[in-house]
């Protein structure tokens, strides 16, 4: 084994992230507002869909069947 003073190089790269303490107030505000708007949009969409029935399918076609008339060859 190599001595402790000779540390083996780390084969895995370093994980880089933004320190939460260093985030600006503007970026926190943008994140909070966008998340809130997204949640409200999802709740509103779900509420609107449930008020009209989910899922709504169109009625089946009840038209006439096409048949060949007896006069055509």
N, C-alpha and C. Protein backbone atom coordinates (compact mmCIF):
# COMPACT_ATOMS: atom_id res chain seq x y z
N UNK A 1 0.83 -1.18 0.00
CA UNK A 1 0.00 0.00 0.00
C UNK A 1 0.87 1.24 0.00
N UNK A 2 0.43 2.27 -0.73
CA UNK A 2 1.23 3.50 -0.70
C UNK A 2 1.03 4.21 0.63
N UNK A 3 2.02 4.96 1.01
CA UNK A 3 1.90 5.71 2.27
C UNK A 3 0.77 6.74 2.17
N UNK A 4 0.24 7.15 3.32
CA UNK A 4 -0.88 8.08 3.35
C UNK A 4 -0.53 9.45 2.78
N UNK A 5 0.72 9.80 2.77
CA UNK A 5 1.11 11.11 2.25
C UNK A 5 0.92 11.17 0.73
N UNK A 6 0.98 10.02 0.06
CA UNK A 6 0.77 9.96 -1.38
C UNK A 6 -0.67 9.50 -1.65
N UNK A 7 -1.56 10.43 -1.72
CA UNK A 7 -2.96 10.10 -1.97
C UNK A 7 -3.15 9.78 -3.44
N UNK A 8 -3.93 8.75 -3.70
CA UNK A 8 -4.21 8.38 -5.09
C UNK A 8 -5.14 9.42 -5.69
N UNK A 9 -4.98 9.72 -6.98
CA UNK A 9 -5.86 10.71 -7.60
C UNK A 9 -7.31 10.20 -7.61
N UNK A 10 -8.22 11.10 -7.43
CA UNK A 10 -9.64 10.75 -7.40
C UNK A 10 -10.13 10.58 -8.83
N UNK A 11 -10.55 9.35 -9.23
CA UNK A 11 -10.97 9.15 -10.62
C UNK A 11 -12.35 9.78 -10.91
N UNK A 12 -13.11 10.08 -9.88
CA UNK A 12 -14.43 10.66 -10.08
C UNK A 12 -14.31 12.17 -10.05
N UNK A 13 -14.97 12.84 -11.00
CA UNK A 13 -14.91 14.29 -11.04
C UNK A 13 -15.61 14.91 -9.85
N UNK A 14 -15.36 16.16 -9.64
CA UNK A 14 -15.97 16.86 -8.52
C UNK A 14 -17.39 17.27 -8.89
N UNK A 15 -18.29 17.21 -7.94
CA UNK A 15 -19.67 17.62 -8.14
C UNK A 15 -19.77 19.12 -7.87
N UNK A 16 -20.20 19.86 -8.87
CA UNK A 16 -20.29 21.31 -8.73
C UNK A 16 -21.73 21.71 -8.51
N UNK A 17 -21.99 22.56 -7.56
CA UNK A 17 -23.32 23.06 -7.31
C UNK A 17 -23.22 24.47 -6.74
N UNK A 18 -24.31 25.16 -6.81
CA UNK A 18 -24.37 26.52 -6.29
C UNK A 18 -24.65 26.44 -4.79
N UNK A 19 -23.86 27.13 -4.01
CA UNK A 19 -24.06 27.15 -2.57
C UNK A 19 -25.37 27.86 -2.26
N UNK A 20 -26.31 27.23 -1.53
CA UNK A 20 -27.60 27.85 -1.27
C UNK A 20 -27.48 29.19 -0.54
N UNK A 21 -26.45 29.35 0.24
CA UNK A 21 -26.28 30.61 0.96
C UNK A 21 -25.90 31.75 0.01
N UNK A 22 -25.39 31.42 -1.16
CA UNK A 22 -24.92 32.44 -2.09
C UNK A 22 -25.96 32.80 -3.15
N UNK A 23 -27.13 32.14 -3.13
CA UNK A 23 -28.16 32.46 -4.12
C UNK A 23 -28.67 33.87 -3.88
N UNK A 24 -28.92 34.56 -4.96
CA UNK A 24 -29.41 35.93 -4.82
C UNK A 24 -30.89 35.92 -4.50
N UNK A 25 -31.35 37.01 -3.98
CA UNK A 25 -32.77 37.14 -3.64
C UNK A 25 -33.62 37.07 -4.89
N UNK A 26 -33.14 37.64 -6.00
CA UNK A 26 -33.89 37.62 -7.24
C UNK A 26 -34.09 36.19 -7.75
N UNK A 27 -33.06 35.37 -7.71
CA UNK A 27 -33.20 34.00 -8.20
C UNK A 27 -34.13 33.19 -7.30
N UNK A 28 -34.10 33.44 -5.99
CA UNK A 28 -35.05 32.77 -5.09
C UNK A 28 -36.47 33.21 -5.40
N UNK A 29 -36.66 34.49 -5.67
CA UNK A 29 -37.99 35.02 -5.97
C UNK A 29 -38.51 34.43 -7.28
N UNK A 30 -37.66 34.37 -8.29
CA UNK A 30 -38.07 33.81 -9.58
C UNK A 30 -38.44 32.34 -9.43
N UNK A 31 -37.67 31.60 -8.68
CA UNK A 31 -37.96 30.19 -8.47
C UNK A 31 -39.26 29.98 -7.71
N UNK A 32 -39.49 30.78 -6.69
CA UNK A 32 -40.71 30.65 -5.90
C UNK A 32 -41.94 31.02 -6.72
N UNK A 33 -41.86 32.12 -7.47
CA UNK A 33 -43.00 32.57 -8.27
C UNK A 33 -43.31 31.56 -9.37
N UNK A 34 -42.29 31.07 -10.06
CA UNK A 34 -42.54 30.13 -11.15
C UNK A 34 -43.13 28.81 -10.63
N UNK A 35 -42.65 28.35 -9.49
CA UNK A 35 -43.20 27.12 -8.91
C UNK A 35 -44.65 27.33 -8.48
N UNK A 36 -44.94 28.47 -7.87
CA UNK A 36 -46.31 28.77 -7.43
C UNK A 36 -47.26 28.87 -8.62
N UNK A 37 -46.83 29.54 -9.69
CA UNK A 37 -47.67 29.66 -10.88
C UNK A 37 -47.93 28.30 -11.50
N UNK A 38 -46.92 27.46 -11.55
CA UNK A 38 -47.08 26.12 -12.12
C UNK A 38 -48.06 25.29 -11.31
N UNK A 39 -47.96 25.33 -9.99
CA UNK A 39 -48.87 24.57 -9.14
C UNK A 39 -50.30 25.08 -9.30
N UNK A 40 -50.48 26.41 -9.31
CA UNK A 40 -51.82 26.97 -9.50
C UNK A 40 -52.41 26.61 -10.85
N UNK A 41 -51.58 26.61 -11.90
CA UNK A 41 -52.04 26.24 -13.23
C UNK A 41 -52.48 24.78 -13.27
N UNK A 42 -51.73 23.90 -12.64
CA UNK A 42 -52.09 22.48 -12.60
C UNK A 42 -53.39 22.26 -11.82
N UNK A 43 -53.54 22.94 -10.68
CA UNK A 43 -54.76 22.79 -9.89
C UNK A 43 -55.96 23.34 -10.65
N UNK A 44 -55.80 24.48 -11.31
CA UNK A 44 -56.89 25.07 -12.09
C UNK A 44 -57.29 24.15 -13.25
N UNK A 45 -56.31 23.62 -13.95
CA UNK A 45 -56.60 22.71 -15.07
C UNK A 45 -57.34 21.47 -14.58
N UNK A 46 -56.90 20.90 -13.49
CA UNK A 46 -57.56 19.73 -12.94
C UNK A 46 -58.99 20.06 -12.51
N UNK A 47 -59.18 21.19 -11.85
CA UNK A 47 -60.52 21.58 -11.40
C UNK A 47 -61.46 21.81 -12.59
N UNK A 48 -60.97 22.45 -13.64
CA UNK A 48 -61.81 22.69 -14.81
C UNK A 48 -62.16 21.39 -15.52
N UNK A 49 -61.21 20.49 -15.61
CA UNK A 49 -61.48 19.22 -16.28
C UNK A 49 -62.48 18.39 -15.48
N UNK A 50 -62.39 18.43 -14.16
CA UNK A 50 -63.30 17.63 -13.34
C UNK A 50 -64.71 18.21 -13.33
N UNK A 51 -64.85 19.52 -13.55
CA UNK A 51 -66.19 20.10 -13.56
C UNK A 51 -66.96 19.73 -14.81
N UNK A 52 -66.29 19.43 -15.91
CA UNK A 52 -66.99 19.06 -17.14
C UNK A 52 -66.98 17.55 -17.36
N UNK A 53 -66.37 16.82 -16.49
CA UNK A 53 -66.31 15.37 -16.62
C UNK A 53 -65.01 14.95 -17.28
N UNK A 54 -64.39 13.94 -16.72
CA UNK A 54 -63.10 13.51 -17.24
C UNK A 54 -63.14 12.02 -17.48
N UNK A 55 -62.80 11.49 -18.56
CA UNK A 55 -62.60 12.14 -19.85
C UNK A 55 -63.93 12.29 -20.58
N UNK A 56 -64.00 13.24 -21.45
CA UNK A 56 -65.20 13.41 -22.27
C UNK A 56 -64.89 12.90 -23.67
N UNK A 57 -65.68 11.97 -24.11
CA UNK A 57 -65.51 11.43 -25.45
C UNK A 57 -66.68 11.88 -26.29
N UNK A 58 -66.49 12.15 -27.56
CA UNK A 58 -67.62 12.53 -28.42
C UNK A 58 -68.57 11.35 -28.60
N UNK A 59 -69.82 11.67 -28.89
CA UNK A 59 -70.79 10.59 -29.12
C UNK A 59 -70.41 9.84 -30.40
N UNK A 60 -70.79 8.59 -30.45
CA UNK A 60 -70.48 7.79 -31.62
C UNK A 60 -71.26 8.28 -32.83
N UNK A 61 -70.68 8.11 -33.98
CA UNK A 61 -71.32 8.54 -35.22
C UNK A 61 -72.56 7.70 -35.47
N UNK A 62 -73.69 8.35 -35.66
CA UNK A 62 -74.96 7.65 -35.87
C UNK A 62 -75.48 7.88 -37.30
N UNK A 63 -74.63 8.21 -38.21
CA UNK A 63 -75.05 8.51 -39.58
C UNK A 63 -75.46 7.27 -40.35
N UNK A 64 -75.88 7.51 -41.58
CA UNK A 64 -76.32 6.39 -42.42
C UNK A 64 -75.13 5.58 -42.89
N UNK A 65 -75.33 4.31 -43.05
CA UNK A 65 -74.31 3.45 -43.61
C UNK A 65 -74.29 3.60 -45.11
N UNK A 66 -73.15 3.59 -45.68
CA UNK A 66 -73.05 3.69 -47.13
C UNK A 66 -73.27 2.32 -47.74
N UNK A 67 -74.22 2.25 -48.59
CA UNK A 67 -74.48 1.00 -49.30
C UNK A 67 -74.56 1.31 -50.80
N UNK A 68 -74.29 0.32 -51.56
CA UNK A 68 -74.36 0.50 -53.01
C UNK A 68 -75.81 0.41 -53.44
N UNK A 69 -76.20 1.38 -54.19
CA UNK A 69 -77.60 1.36 -54.64
C UNK A 69 -77.79 0.26 -55.67
N UNK A 70 -79.00 -0.28 -55.76
CA UNK A 70 -79.21 -1.39 -56.70
C UNK A 70 -79.12 -0.96 -58.16
N UNK A 71 -79.17 0.33 -58.47
CA UNK A 71 -79.12 0.77 -59.86
C UNK A 71 -77.71 0.84 -60.42
N UNK A 72 -76.68 0.86 -59.57
CA UNK A 72 -75.30 0.97 -60.08
C UNK A 72 -74.76 -0.39 -60.44
N UNK A 73 -73.97 -0.46 -61.52
CA UNK A 73 -73.45 -1.77 -61.93
C UNK A 73 -72.34 -2.28 -61.06
